[in-house]
Protein backbone atom coordinates (compact mmCIF):
# COMPACT_ATOMS: atom_id res chain seq x y z
CA MET A 1 -7.37 -29.10 -14.54
CA GLU A 2 -5.07 -26.12 -14.06
CA LYS A 3 -1.61 -26.70 -12.58
CA VAL A 4 -1.30 -25.48 -9.00
CA ILE A 5 2.03 -23.73 -8.44
CA HIS A 6 3.88 -24.14 -5.15
CA PRO A 7 3.69 -20.97 -2.97
CA ARG A 8 7.50 -20.66 -2.88
CA ILE A 9 7.67 -20.67 -6.69
CA ILE A 10 4.90 -18.06 -6.86
CA VAL A 11 7.09 -15.80 -4.70
CA VAL A 12 10.06 -16.30 -7.07
CA ILE A 13 7.87 -15.64 -10.13
CA ASP A 14 6.59 -12.45 -8.48
CA LEU A 15 10.16 -11.31 -7.71
CA LEU A 16 11.13 -11.89 -11.33
CA GLN A 17 8.08 -10.04 -12.67
CA GLU A 18 8.49 -7.09 -10.30
CA SER A 19 12.13 -6.67 -11.24
CA GLY A 20 11.48 -6.65 -14.99
CA PHE A 21 12.64 -10.14 -15.97
CA ARG A 22 13.90 -10.43 -19.53
CA TRP A 23 14.61 -13.60 -21.51
CA GLN A 24 18.35 -12.89 -21.32
CA MET A 25 18.65 -12.79 -17.55
CA GLU A 26 21.24 -10.34 -16.31
CA ASP A 27 23.74 -11.36 -13.63
CA TYR A 28 22.37 -8.77 -11.20
CA MET A 29 19.03 -10.61 -11.23
CA LEU A 30 20.68 -13.82 -10.02
CA TYR A 31 22.53 -11.89 -7.30
CA PHE A 32 19.22 -10.27 -6.32
CA LEU A 33 17.56 -13.70 -5.99
CA LYS A 34 20.58 -15.22 -4.25
CA ASP A 35 20.45 -12.44 -1.63
CA ARG A 36 16.87 -13.51 -0.94
CA GLN A 37 17.93 -17.14 -0.40
CA VAL A 38 16.36 -18.40 -3.61
CA THR A 39 18.02 -21.60 -4.85
CA GLN A 40 19.15 -22.38 -8.39
CA THR A 41 16.45 -25.00 -8.73
CA GLU A 42 13.74 -22.60 -7.56
CA VAL A 43 14.80 -20.09 -10.22
CA VAL A 44 14.85 -22.77 -12.93
CA VAL A 45 11.38 -24.02 -11.97
CA ALA A 46 10.02 -20.44 -11.74
CA LEU A 47 11.35 -19.62 -15.21
CA HIS A 48 9.73 -22.79 -16.55
CA LEU A 49 6.34 -22.53 -14.83
CA GLY A 50 6.03 -18.75 -14.77
CA PHE A 51 7.50 -17.78 -18.12
CA GLY A 52 7.22 -20.93 -20.24
CA ILE A 53 10.96 -21.34 -20.72
CA PRO A 54 11.86 -25.00 -21.35
CA LEU A 55 13.57 -26.57 -18.33
CA GLU A 56 16.82 -27.23 -20.19
CA GLU A 57 17.10 -23.61 -21.31
CA ALA A 58 16.16 -22.28 -17.88
CA ASP A 59 18.80 -24.53 -16.36
CA GLN A 60 21.46 -23.17 -18.73
CA ILE A 61 20.42 -19.56 -18.03
CA VAL A 62 20.90 -20.06 -14.29
CA ARG A 63 23.58 -22.69 -13.70
CA ASN A 64 26.09 -21.70 -16.37
CA ARG A 65 26.69 -18.34 -14.68
CA ASN A 66 28.03 -19.91 -11.45
CA ILE A 67 26.55 -17.12 -9.33
CA MET A 68 24.26 -19.08 -7.06
CA GLU A 69 25.32 -21.70 -4.53
CA TYR A 70 26.10 -25.19 -5.82
CA GLU A 71 23.35 -27.73 -5.15
CA SER A 72 23.91 -31.44 -4.84
CA ILE A 73 22.17 -33.71 -7.33
CA GLU A 74 20.06 -35.07 -4.45
CA ASN A 75 18.94 -31.60 -3.38
CA THR A 76 18.21 -30.60 -6.97
CA ALA A 77 16.16 -33.77 -7.52
CA TYR A 78 14.23 -33.26 -4.28
CA GLN A 79 13.39 -29.62 -5.04
CA THR A 80 12.45 -30.38 -8.64
CA PHE A 81 10.08 -33.13 -7.53
CA LEU A 82 8.63 -30.96 -4.75
CA TYR A 83 7.93 -27.98 -7.00
CA MET A 84 7.02 -29.65 -10.30
CA PHE A 85 4.58 -32.16 -8.79
CA TYR A 86 3.12 -29.94 -6.07
CA GLU A 87 -0.46 -30.63 -5.03
CA PRO A 88 -2.11 -29.01 -2.02
CA VAL A 89 -4.00 -31.48 0.13
CA ALA A 90 -7.60 -30.61 0.95
CA THR A 91 -8.63 -31.12 4.57
CA ASN A 92 -11.92 -31.95 6.22
CA ASP A 93 -12.09 -28.66 8.11
CA SER A 94 -15.54 -27.46 9.06
CA ASP A 95 -15.33 -24.38 6.85
CA GLY A 96 -14.68 -26.48 3.77
CA ASP A 97 -12.32 -23.87 2.34
CA SER A 98 -9.10 -24.80 4.12
CA VAL A 99 -6.15 -26.33 2.34
CA THR A 100 -3.15 -27.96 3.97
CA VAL A 101 0.13 -27.48 2.14
CA ARG A 102 2.37 -30.53 2.17
CA PHE A 103 6.12 -29.82 2.06
C-alpha cells in the first residue's frame, strides 16, 4: 500500500519543487518557507517524504542554520507523529468518494 502524504506536507513539497530545491539547501529557501509559516518539522518531513533524504540529514540541513523559529520538543514530536503517520479516514458518505482528514 502506498504511503498517503499529509496535505500540508504536499504543499511544502510543491513549494520546494517549484523553487528549484537542491540537495544543499540555500538559506534563502528556508527564509522563503519561513515567510509562508512553514515550520522546521514540516520542512524536515517534506525533505524526507518528498525527496528521500534521511530524517537525520534533513534535520541537520534545516535546524543547524538557525533560520526558522525554535520548536519545543513537544511540538516537534506532535508534528512528526501527525505527518509521518498520517492516514485519512474514510467516511460513510452516500457518494462513497469522500474522505475526512483527521488533524
